[in-house]
Every structure is written in C-alpha cells, then in structure tokens.
Amino acid sequence: MAASDFNVKYVAHLARIQLSPAEEQTLGTQLGHILGFMEKLNTVDVSHVEPTAHAVPTVNVTRADEIRPSLPHDEAMRNAPKQANGLFVVPKIVE
C-alpha cells in the first residue's frame, strides 16, 4: 500500500475514534510517514535471516523438578479445619 493510498476516515472508523479535520490532517501525515518507512523496510534483503519468534533465545527459568523432603503429615493436618481418616475434608463443589 502506498503512503497516499489509505483513507484516514476509514482507519479512524476501524479504530472507533472520532477525529476533527485538523486531527485527520495530522494523523494522515503521520500515517503516510509510517507507511513510507514500511516501504523502505520492504526493500531490505532478509533472505539470509532465519525466521524467529523472538529476537533472542528464550529459556525456561523454572527450577529443576527434584525430589525433596516434604512437610510431615501431622504438621500438614494441624491447621486443617476438618479432617477424617487422615485426609482433608472439603465442601463438595460438583453437583
């Protein structure tokens, strides 16, 4: 799309904003500059650039899943409001 091939009123309608004539003029000029820069970017040779989802590699920052000592059963049950047969008793939420 060339810089002069767009309709500012249509773009404003899509964005659901109302523009005054002065704002339409200003926004039209700004959008024209943006589209001009996009045309410049389209001329850059990127055939040697591998497509990526991120500019830098991402790594998982969670800790390793390791077996560790857990809370003793009696200590876990100490603050339970209700318990039966060594288990937590909770309200039924499925009808």
PDB file of N, CA and C in Angstrom:
ATOM      1  N   MET A   1       0.857  -1.181   0.000  1.00  0.00           N
ATOM      2  CA  MET A   1       0.000   0.000   0.000  1.00  0.00           C
ATOM      3  C   MET A   1       0.892   1.230   0.000  1.00  0.00           C
ATOM      4  N   ALA A   2       0.687   2.089  -0.928  1.00  0.00           N
ATOM      5  CA  ALA A   2       1.469   3.321  -0.997  1.00  0.00           C
ATOM      6  C   ALA A   2       1.022   4.272   0.107  1.00  0.00           C
ATOM      7  N   ALA A   3       1.892   5.198   0.431  1.00  0.00           N
ATOM      8  CA  ALA A   3       1.617   6.126   1.526  1.00  0.00           C
ATOM      9  C   ALA A   3       0.380   6.971   1.271  1.00  0.00           C
ATOM     10  N   SER A   4      -0.001   7.185   0.018  1.00  0.00           N
ATOM     11  CA  SER A   4      -1.156   8.032  -0.278  1.00  0.00           C
ATOM     12  C   SER A   4      -2.415   7.217  -0.564  1.00  0.00           C
ATOM     13  N   ASP A   5      -2.336   5.873  -0.454  1.00  0.00           N
ATOM     14  CA  ASP A   5      -3.474   5.026  -0.817  1.00  0.00           C
ATOM     15  C   ASP A   5      -4.380   4.640   0.352  1.00  0.00           C
ATOM     16  N   PHE A   6      -4.342   5.357   1.435  1.00  0.00           N
ATOM     17  CA  PHE A   6      -5.203   4.988   2.553  1.00  0.00           C
ATOM     18  C   PHE A   6      -6.158   6.125   2.885  1.00  0.00           C
ATOM     19  N   ASN A   7      -7.243   5.763   3.542  1.00  0.00           N
ATOM     20  CA  ASN A   7      -8.286   6.707   3.894  1.00  0.00           C
ATOM     21  C   ASN A   7      -8.261   6.891   5.414  1.00  0.00           C
ATOM     22  N   VAL A   8      -7.905   8.074   5.883  1.00  0.00           N
ATOM     23  CA  VAL A   8      -7.788   8.341   7.312  1.00  0.00           C
ATOM     24  C   VAL A   8      -9.126   8.161   8.014  1.00  0.00           C
ATOM     25  N   LYS A   9     -10.211   8.581   7.372  1.00  0.00           N
ATOM     26  CA  LYS A   9     -11.534   8.438   7.993  1.00  0.00           C
ATOM     27  C   LYS A   9     -11.871   6.964   8.183  1.00  0.00           C
ATOM     28  N   TYR A  10     -11.501   6.124   7.212  1.00  0.00           N
ATOM     29  CA  TYR A  10     -11.772   4.691   7.317  1.00  0.00           C
ATOM     30  C   TYR A  10     -10.947   4.076   8.453  1.00  0.00           C
ATOM     31  N   VAL A  11      -9.683   4.467   8.558  1.00  0.00           N
ATOM     32  CA  VAL A  11      -8.829   3.962   9.630  1.00  0.00           C
ATOM     33  C   VAL A  11      -9.370   4.415  10.984  1.00  0.00           C
ATOM     34  N   ALA A  12      -9.817   5.648  11.089  1.00  0.00           N
ATOM     35  CA  ALA A  12     -10.388   6.153  12.335  1.00  0.00           C
ATOM     36  C   ALA A  12     -11.666   5.392  12.672  1.00  0.00           C
ATOM     37  N   HIS A  13     -12.462   5.078  11.665  1.00  0.00           N
ATOM     38  CA  HIS A  13     -13.684   4.297  11.893  1.00  0.00           C
ATOM     39  C   HIS A  13     -13.342   2.910  12.441  1.00  0.00           C
ATOM     40  N   LEU A  14     -12.325   2.264  11.857  1.00  0.00           N
ATOM     41  CA  LEU A  14     -11.905   0.947  12.335  1.00  0.00           C
ATOM     42  C   LEU A  14     -11.397   1.012  13.783  1.00  0.00           C
ATOM     43  N   ALA A  15     -10.718   2.110  14.119  1.00  0.00           N
ATOM     44  CA  ALA A  15     -10.196   2.292  15.476  1.00  0.00           C
ATOM     45  C   ALA A  15     -11.269   2.815  16.432  1.00  0.00           C
ATOM     46  N   ARG A  16     -12.447   3.118  15.881  1.00  0.00           N
ATOM     47  CA  ARG A  16     -13.580   3.635  16.656  1.00  0.00           C
ATOM     48  C   ARG A  16     -13.228   4.918  17.396  1.00  0.00           C
ATOM     49  N   ILE A  17     -12.592   5.818  16.669  1.00  0.00           N
ATOM     50  CA  ILE A  17     -12.282   7.137  17.221  1.00  0.00           C
ATOM     51  C   ILE A  17     -12.840   8.201  16.298  1.00  0.00           C
ATOM     52  N   GLN A  18     -13.193   9.328  16.871  1.00  0.00           N
ATOM     53  CA  GLN A  18     -13.665  10.461  16.084  1.00  0.00           C
ATOM     54  C   GLN A  18     -12.533  11.480  16.002  1.00  0.00           C
ATOM     55  N   LEU A  19     -12.283  11.967  14.805  1.00  0.00           N
ATOM     56  CA  LEU A  19     -11.204  12.917  14.594  1.00  0.00           C
ATOM     57  C   LEU A  19     -11.761  14.217  14.021  1.00  0.00           C
ATOM     58  N   SER A  20     -11.195  15.309  14.476  1.00  0.00           N
ATOM     59  CA  SER A  20     -11.530  16.595  13.878  1.00  0.00           C
ATOM     60  C   SER A  20     -10.780  16.689  12.556  1.00  0.00           C
ATOM     61  N   PRO A  21     -11.174  17.617  11.679  1.00  0.00           N
ATOM     62  CA  PRO A  21     -10.440  17.773  10.413  1.00  0.00           C
ATOM     63  C   PRO A  21      -8.946  18.034  10.614  1.00  0.00           C
ATOM     64  N   ALA A  22      -8.590  18.805  11.634  1.00  0.00           N
ATOM     65  CA  ALA A  22      -7.168  19.077  11.897  1.00  0.00           C
ATOM     66  C   ALA A  22      -6.459  17.796  12.327  1.00  0.00           C
ATOM     67  N   GLU A  23      -7.125  16.987  13.164  1.00  0.00           N
ATOM     68  CA  GLU A  23      -6.531  15.718  13.603  1.00  0.00           C
ATOM     69  C   GLU A  23      -6.396  14.743  12.425  1.00  0.00           C
ATOM     70  N   GLU A  24      -7.390  14.759  11.530  1.00  0.00           N
ATOM     71  CA  GLU A  24      -7.303  13.903  10.342  1.00  0.00           C
ATOM     72  C   GLU A  24      -6.085  14.268   9.508  1.00  0.00           C
ATOM     73  N   GLN A  25      -5.852  15.557   9.350  1.00  0.00           N
ATOM     74  CA  GLN A  25      -4.702  16.023   8.576  1.00  0.00           C
ATOM     75  C   GLN A  25      -3.395  15.588   9.227  1.00  0.00           C
ATOM     76  N   THR A  26      -3.276  15.809  10.547  1.00  0.00           N
ATOM     77  CA  THR A  26      -2.059  15.434  11.283  1.00  0.00           C
ATOM     78  C   THR A  26      -1.845  13.927  11.238  1.00  0.00           C
ATOM     79  N   LEU A  27      -2.908  13.175  11.513  1.00  0.00           N
ATOM     80  CA  LEU A  27      -2.798  11.722  11.524  1.00  0.00           C
ATOM     81  C   LEU A  27      -2.496  11.180  10.133  1.00  0.00           C
ATOM     82  N   GLY A  28      -3.081  11.786   9.115  1.00  0.00           N
ATOM     83  CA  GLY A  28      -2.804  11.370   7.741  1.00  0.00           C
ATOM     84  C   GLY A  28      -1.334  11.532   7.392  1.00  0.00           C
ATOM     85  N   THR A  29      -0.758  12.642   7.808  1.00  0.00           N
ATOM     86  CA  THR A  29       0.667  12.882   7.559  1.00  0.00           C
ATOM     87  C   THR A  29       1.517  11.856   8.307  1.00  0.00           C
ATOM     88  N   GLN A  30       1.178  11.615   9.574  1.00  0.00           N
ATOM     89  CA  GLN A  30       1.943  10.661  10.375  1.00  0.00           C
ATOM     90  C   GLN A  30       1.833   9.238   9.817  1.00  0.00           C
ATOM     91  N   LEU A  31       0.640   8.832   9.435  1.00  0.00           N
ATOM     92  CA  LEU A  31       0.459   7.503   8.859  1.00  0.00           C
ATOM     93  C   LEU A  31       1.197   7.386   7.525  1.00  0.00           C
ATOM     94  N   GLY A  32       1.223   8.469   6.752  1.00  0.00           N
ATOM     95  CA  GLY A  32       1.973   8.466   5.495  1.00  0.00           C
ATOM     96  C   GLY A  32       3.457   8.229   5.736  1.00  0.00           C
ATOM     97  N   HIS A  33       4.013   8.868   6.785  1.00  0.00           N
ATOM     98  CA  HIS A  33       5.423   8.660   7.121  1.00  0.00           C
ATOM     99  C   HIS A  33       5.670   7.219   7.563  1.00  0.00           C
ATOM    100  N   ILE A  34       4.757   6.682   8.353  1.00  0.00           N
ATOM    101  CA  ILE A  34       4.899   5.298   8.818  1.00  0.00           C
ATOM    102  C   ILE A  34       4.879   4.342   7.634  1.00  0.00           C
ATOM    103  N   LEU A  35       3.944   4.537   6.727  1.00  0.00           N
ATOM    104  CA  LEU A  35       3.879   3.660   5.554  1.00  0.00           C
ATOM    105  C   LEU A  35       5.106   3.820   4.662  1.00  0.00           C
ATOM    106  N   GLY A  36       5.657   5.031   4.607  1.00  0.00           N
ATOM    107  CA  GLY A  36       6.890   5.252   3.851  1.00  0.00           C
ATOM    108  C   GLY A  36       8.051   4.468   4.448  1.00  0.00           C
ATOM    109  N   PHE A  37       8.140   4.443   5.784  1.00  0.00           N
ATOM    110  CA  PHE A  37       9.180   3.655   6.445  1.00  0.00           C
ATOM    111  C   PHE A  37       8.974   2.161   6.198  1.00  0.00           C
ATOM    112  N   MET A  38       7.724   1.726   6.174  1.00  0.00           N
ATOM    113  CA  MET A  38       7.442   0.317   5.895  1.00  0.00           C
ATOM    114  C   MET A  38       7.897  -0.048   4.487  1.00  0.00           C
ATOM    115  N   GLU A  39       7.700   0.847   3.533  1.00  0.00           N
ATOM    116  CA  GLU A  39       8.162   0.596   2.168  1.00  0.00           C
ATOM    117  C   GLU A  39       9.680   0.478   2.128  1.00  0.00           C
ATOM    118  N   LYS A  40      10.388   1.296   2.920  1.00  0.00           N
ATOM    119  CA  LYS A  40      11.844   1.190   2.989  1.00  0.00           C
ATOM    120  C   LYS A  40      12.254  -0.167   3.562  1.00  0.00           C
ATOM    121  N   LEU A  41      11.548  -0.626   4.599  1.00  0.00           N
ATOM    122  CA  LEU A  41      11.870  -1.919   5.201  1.00  0.00           C
ATOM    123  C   LEU A  41      11.635  -3.065   4.219  1.00  0.00           C
ATOM    124  N   ASN A  42      10.651  -2.923   3.344  1.00  0.00           N
ATOM    125  CA  ASN A  42      10.377  -3.968   2.360  1.00  0.00           C
ATOM    126  C   ASN A  42      11.504  -4.117   1.346  1.00  0.00           C
ATOM    127  N   THR A  43      12.357  -3.118   1.211  1.00  0.00           N
ATOM    128  CA  THR A  43      13.460  -3.201   0.250  1.00  0.00           C
ATOM    129  C   THR A  43      14.689  -3.884   0.830  1.00  0.00           C
ATOM    130  N   VAL A  44      14.713  -4.136   2.138  1.00  0.00           N
ATOM    131  CA  VAL A  44      15.869  -4.757   2.787  1.00  0.00           C
ATOM    132  C   VAL A  44      15.906  -6.244   2.447  1.00  0.00           C
ATOM    133  N   ASP A  45      17.099  -6.754   2.109  1.00  0.00           N
ATOM    134  CA  ASP A  45      17.271  -8.173   1.797  1.00  0.00           C
ATOM    135  C   ASP A  45      17.362  -8.967   3.100  1.00  0.00           C
ATOM    136  N   VAL A  46      16.349  -9.783   3.375  1.00  0.00           N
ATOM    137  CA  VAL A  46      16.326 -10.604   4.585  1.00  0.00           C
ATOM    138  C   VAL A  46      16.347 -12.092   4.237  1.00  0.00           C
ATOM    139  N   SER A  47      16.809 -12.433   3.038  1.00  0.00           N
ATOM    140  CA  SER A  47      16.815 -13.833   2.607  1.00  0.00           C
ATOM    141  C   SER A  47      17.760 -14.682   3.451  1.00  0.00           C
ATOM    142  N   HIS A  48      18.787 -14.075   4.038  1.00  0.00           N
ATOM    143  CA  HIS A  48      19.748 -14.820   4.849  1.00  0.00           C
ATOM    144  C   HIS A  48      19.368 -14.849   6.335  1.00  0.00           C
ATOM    145  N   VAL A  49      18.260 -14.223   6.712  1.00  0.00           N
ATOM    146  CA  VAL A  49      17.829 -14.164   8.105  1.00  0.00           C
ATOM    147  C   VAL A  49      16.804 -15.263   8.355  1.00  0.00           C
ATOM    148  N   GLU A  50      17.081 -16.079   9.362  1.00  0.00           N
ATOM    149  CA  GLU A  50      16.165 -17.165   9.704  1.00  0.00           C
ATOM    150  C   GLU A  50      14.963 -16.604  10.460  1.00  0.00           C
ATOM    151  N   PRO A  51      13.741 -17.035  10.099  1.00  0.00           N
ATOM    152  CA  PRO A  51      12.561 -16.553  10.818  1.00  0.00           C
ATOM    153  C   PRO A  51      12.582 -17.021  12.275  1.00  0.00           C
ATOM    154  N   THR A  52      12.235 -16.138  13.180  1.00  0.00           N
ATOM    155  CA  THR A  52      12.203 -16.481  14.597  1.00  0.00           C
ATOM    156  C   THR A  52      10.980 -15.878  15.256  1.00  0.00           C
ATOM    157  N   ALA A  53      10.614 -16.452  16.388  1.00  0.00           N
ATOM    158  CA  ALA A  53       9.511 -15.896  17.164  1.00  0.00           C
ATOM    159  C   ALA A  53      10.012 -14.835  18.136  1.00  0.00           C
ATOM    160  N   HIS A  54      11.288 -14.946  18.533  1.00  0.00           N
ATOM    161  CA  HIS A  54      11.887 -13.993  19.468  1.00  0.00           C
ATOM    162  C   HIS A  54      13.240 -13.549  18.920  1.00  0.00           C
ATOM    163  N   ALA A  55      13.613 -12.336  19.214  1.00  0.00           N
ATOM    164  CA  ALA A  55      14.888 -11.815  18.736  1.00  0.00           C
ATOM    165  C   ALA A  55      16.061 -12.472  19.455  1.00  0.00           C
ATOM    166  N   VAL A  56      15.861 -12.850  20.703  1.00  0.00           N
ATOM    167  CA  VAL A  56      16.910 -13.522  21.466  1.00  0.00           C
ATOM    168  C   VAL A  56      16.369 -14.866  21.945  1.00  0.00           C
ATOM    169  N   PRO A  57      17.221 -15.846  22.138  1.00  0.00           N
ATOM    170  CA  PRO A  57      16.731 -17.152  22.597  1.00  0.00           C
ATOM    171  C   PRO A  57      16.091 -17.050  23.978  1.00  0.00           C
ATOM    172  N   THR A  58      15.035 -17.781  24.175  1.00  0.00           N
ATOM    173  CA  THR A  58      14.379 -17.801  25.479  1.00  0.00           C
ATOM    174  C   THR A  58      14.655 -19.142  26.141  1.00  0.00           C
ATOM    175  N   VAL A  59      14.761 -19.121  27.445  1.00  0.00           N
ATOM    176  CA  VAL A  59      14.994 -20.341  28.207  1.00  0.00           C
ATOM    177  C   VAL A  59      13.969 -20.425  29.320  1.00  0.00           C
ATOM    178  N   ASN A  60      13.707 -21.638  29.736  1.00  0.00           N
ATOM    179  CA  ASN A  60      12.771 -21.848  30.828  1.00  0.00           C
ATOM    180  C   ASN A  60      13.476 -21.501  32.138  1.00  0.00           C
ATOM    181  N   VAL A  61      12.899 -20.610  32.915  1.00  0.00           N
ATOM    182  CA  VAL A  61      13.551 -20.153  34.133  1.00  0.00           C
ATOM    183  C   VAL A  61      13.006 -20.831  35.386  1.00  0.00           C
ATOM    184  N   THR A  62      12.226 -21.888  35.215  1.00  0.00           N
ATOM    185  CA  THR A  62      11.722 -22.591  36.388  1.00  0.00           C
ATOM    186  C   THR A  62      12.798 -23.507  36.948  1.00  0.00           C
ATOM    187  N   ARG A  63      12.670 -23.835  38.207  1.00  0.00           N
ATOM    188  CA  ARG A  63      13.664 -24.690  38.849  1.00  0.00           C
ATOM    189  C   ARG A  63      13.513 -26.122  38.373  1.00  0.00           C
ATOM    190  N   ALA A  64      14.544 -26.901  38.566  1.00  0.00           N
ATOM    191  CA  ALA A  64      14.503 -28.315  38.190  1.00  0.00           C
ATOM    192  C   ALA A  64      13.540 -29.062  39.108  1.00  0.00           C
ATOM    193  N   ASP A  65      12.882 -30.065  38.584  1.00  0.00           N
ATOM    194  CA  ASP A  65      11.946 -30.867  39.359  1.00  0.00           C
ATOM    195  C   ASP A  65      12.733 -31.945  40.095  1.00  0.00           C
ATOM    196  N   GLU A  66      12.932 -31.725  41.386  1.00  0.00           N
ATOM    197  CA  GLU A  66      13.737 -32.624  42.194  1.00  0.00           C
ATOM    198  C   GLU A  66      12.918 -33.154  43.363  1.00  0.00           C
ATOM    199  N   ILE A  67      13.254 -34.365  43.776  1.00  0.00           N
ATOM    200  CA  ILE A  67      12.614 -34.933  44.966  1.00  0.00           C
ATOM    201  C   ILE A  67      13.267 -34.306  46.187  1.00  0.00           C
ATOM    202  N   ARG A  68      12.444 -33.753  47.072  1.00  0.00           N
ATOM    203  CA  ARG A  68      12.933 -33.140  48.307  1.00  0.00           C
ATOM    204  C   ARG A  68      12.052 -33.594  49.454  1.00  0.00           C
ATOM    205  N   PRO A  69      12.533 -33.501  50.667  1.00  0.00           N
ATOM    206  CA  PRO A  69      11.680 -33.876  51.811  1.00  0.00           C
ATOM    207  C   PRO A  69      10.467 -32.954  51.868  1.00  0.00           C
ATOM    208  N   SER A  70       9.330 -33.524  52.168  1.00  0.00           N
ATOM    209  CA  SER A  70       8.111 -32.719  52.233  1.00  0.00           C
ATOM    210  C   SER A  70       7.685 -32.514  53.676  1.00  0.00           C
ATOM    211  N   LEU A  71       6.601 -31.793  53.843  1.00  0.00           N
ATOM    212  CA  LEU A  71       6.049 -31.490  55.155  1.00  0.00           C
ATOM    213  C   LEU A  71       5.534 -32.777  55.792  1.00  0.00           C
ATOM    214  N   PRO A  72       5.853 -33.049  57.045  1.00  0.00           N
ATOM    215  CA  PRO A  72       5.319 -34.248  57.699  1.00  0.00           C
ATOM    216  C   PRO A  72       3.790 -34.214  57.742  1.00  0.00           C
ATOM    217  N   HIS A  73       3.164 -35.382  57.650  1.00  0.00           N
ATOM    218  CA  HIS A  73       1.703 -35.482  57.578  1.00  0.00           C
ATOM    219  C   HIS A  73       1.028 -34.809  58.764  1.00  0.00           C
ATOM    220  N   ASP A  74       1.502 -35.048  59.967  1.00  0.00           N
ATOM    221  CA  ASP A  74       0.877 -34.462  61.162  1.00  0.00           C
ATOM    222  C   ASP A  74       0.941 -32.936  61.134  1.00  0.00           C
ATOM    223  N   GLU A  75       2.055 -32.402  60.651  1.00  0.00           N
ATOM    224  CA  GLU A  75       2.196 -30.954  60.578  1.00  0.00           C
ATOM    225  C   GLU A  75       1.257 -30.360  59.524  1.00  0.00           C
ATOM    226  N   ALA A  76       1.073 -31.055  58.412  1.00  0.00           N
ATOM    227  CA  ALA A  76       0.171 -30.584  57.359  1.00  0.00           C
ATOM    228  C   ALA A  76      -1.277 -30.603  57.838  1.00  0.00           C
ATOM    229  N   MET A  77      -1.643 -31.595  58.598  1.00  0.00           N
ATOM    230  CA  MET A  77      -3.027 -31.724  59.061  1.00  0.00           C
ATOM    231  C   MET A  77      -3.333 -30.839  60.270  1.00  0.00           C
ATOM    232  N   ARG A  78      -2.311 -30.274  60.903  1.00  0.00           N
ATOM    233  CA  ARG A  78      -2.505 -29.495  62.123  1.00  0.00           C
ATOM    234  C   ARG A  78      -3.450 -28.312  61.919  1.00  0.00           C
ATOM    235  N   ASN A  79      -3.406 -27.624  60.778  1.00  0.00           N
ATOM    236  CA  ASN A  79      -4.245 -26.442  60.544  1.00  0.00           C
ATOM    237  C   ASN A  79      -5.487 -26.742  59.720  1.00  0.00           C
ATOM    238  N   ALA A  80      -5.776 -28.007  59.464  1.00  0.00           N
ATOM    239  CA  ALA A  80      -6.956 -28.346  58.665  1.00  0.00           C
ATOM    240  C   ALA A  80      -8.215 -28.062  59.467  1.00  0.00           C
ATOM    241  N   PRO A  81      -9.174 -27.307  58.902  1.00  0.00           N
ATOM    242  CA  PRO A  81     -10.402 -27.036  59.640  1.00  0.00           C
ATOM    243  C   PRO A  81     -11.209 -28.312  59.897  1.00  0.00           C
ATOM    244  N   LYS A  82     -11.189 -29.230  58.924  1.00  0.00           N
ATOM    245  CA  LYS A  82     -11.886 -30.506  59.075  1.00  0.00           C
ATOM    246  C   LYS A  82     -10.992 -31.597  58.509  1.00  0.00           C
ATOM    247  N   GLN A  83     -11.002 -32.747  59.176  1.00  0.00           N
ATOM    248  CA  GLN A  83     -10.249 -33.884  58.665  1.00  0.00           C
ATOM    249  C   GLN A  83     -10.953 -35.166  59.072  1.00  0.00           C
ATOM    250  N   ALA A  84     -10.744 -36.200  58.273  1.00  0.00           N
ATOM    251  CA  ALA A  84     -11.317 -37.507  58.563  1.00  0.00           C
ATOM    252  C   ALA A  84     -10.387 -38.571  57.987  1.00  0.00           C
ATOM    253  N   ASN A  85     -10.067 -39.550  58.776  1.00  0.00           N
ATOM    254  CA  ASN A  85      -9.211 -40.664  58.360  1.00  0.00           C
ATOM    255  C   ASN A  85      -7.872 -40.175  57.800  1.00  0.00           C
ATOM    256  N   GLY A  86      -7.345 -39.099  58.387  1.00  0.00           N
ATOM    257  CA  GLY A  86      -6.051 -38.584  57.949  1.00  0.00           C
ATOM    258  C   GLY A  86      -6.088 -37.792  56.655  1.00  0.00           C
ATOM    259  N   LEU A  87      -7.287 -37.385  56.210  1.00  0.00           N
ATOM    260  CA  LEU A  87      -7.440 -36.635  54.973  1.00  0.00           C
ATOM    261  C   LEU A  87      -8.127 -35.304  55.238  1.00  0.00           C
ATOM    262  N   PHE A  88      -7.919 -34.322  54.351  1.00  0.00           N
ATOM    263  CA  PHE A  88      -8.630 -33.050  54.439  1.00  0.00           C
ATOM    264  C   PHE A  88     -10.076 -33.263  54.017  1.00  0.00           C
ATOM    265  N   VAL A  89     -11.022 -32.658  54.738  1.00  0.00           N
ATOM    266  CA  VAL A  89     -12.430 -32.686  54.345  1.00  0.00           C
ATOM    267  C   VAL A  89     -12.754 -31.301  53.800  1.00  0.00           C
ATOM    268  N   VAL A  90     -13.243 -31.278  52.547  1.00  0.00           N
ATOM    269  CA  VAL A  90     -13.565 -30.011  51.878  1.00  0.00           C
ATOM    270  C   VAL A  90     -15.001 -30.047  51.421  1.00  0.00           C
ATOM    271  N   PRO A  91     -15.626 -28.878  51.198  1.00  0.00           N
ATOM    272  CA  PRO A  91     -17.013 -28.872  50.734  1.00  0.00           C
ATOM    273  C   PRO A  91     -17.128 -29.437  49.324  1.00  0.00           C
ATOM    274  N   LYS A  92     -18.221 -30.085  49.068  1.00  0.00           N
ATOM    275  CA  LYS A  92     -18.491 -30.623  47.730  1.00  0.00           C
ATOM    276  C   LYS A  92     -18.827 -29.454  46.805  1.00  0.00           C
ATOM    277  N   ILE A  93     -18.156 -29.377  45.647  1.00  0.00           N
ATOM    278  CA  ILE A  93     -18.423 -28.266  44.715  1.00  0.00           C
ATOM    279  C   ILE A  93     -19.036 -28.747  43.412  1.00  0.00           C
ATOM    280  N   VAL A  94     -19.140 -30.054  43.192  1.00  0.00           N
ATOM    281  CA  VAL A  94     -19.721 -30.595  41.987  1.00  0.00           C
ATOM    282  C   VAL A  94     -21.108 -31.133  42.320  1.00  0.00           C
ATOM    283  N   GLU A  95     -22.088 -30.720  41.574  1.00  0.00           N
ATOM    284  CA  GLU A  95     -23.445 -31.203  41.840  1.00  0.00           C
ATOM    285  C   GLU A  95     -23.791 -32.357  40.950  1.00  0.00           C
TER     286      GLU A  95
END
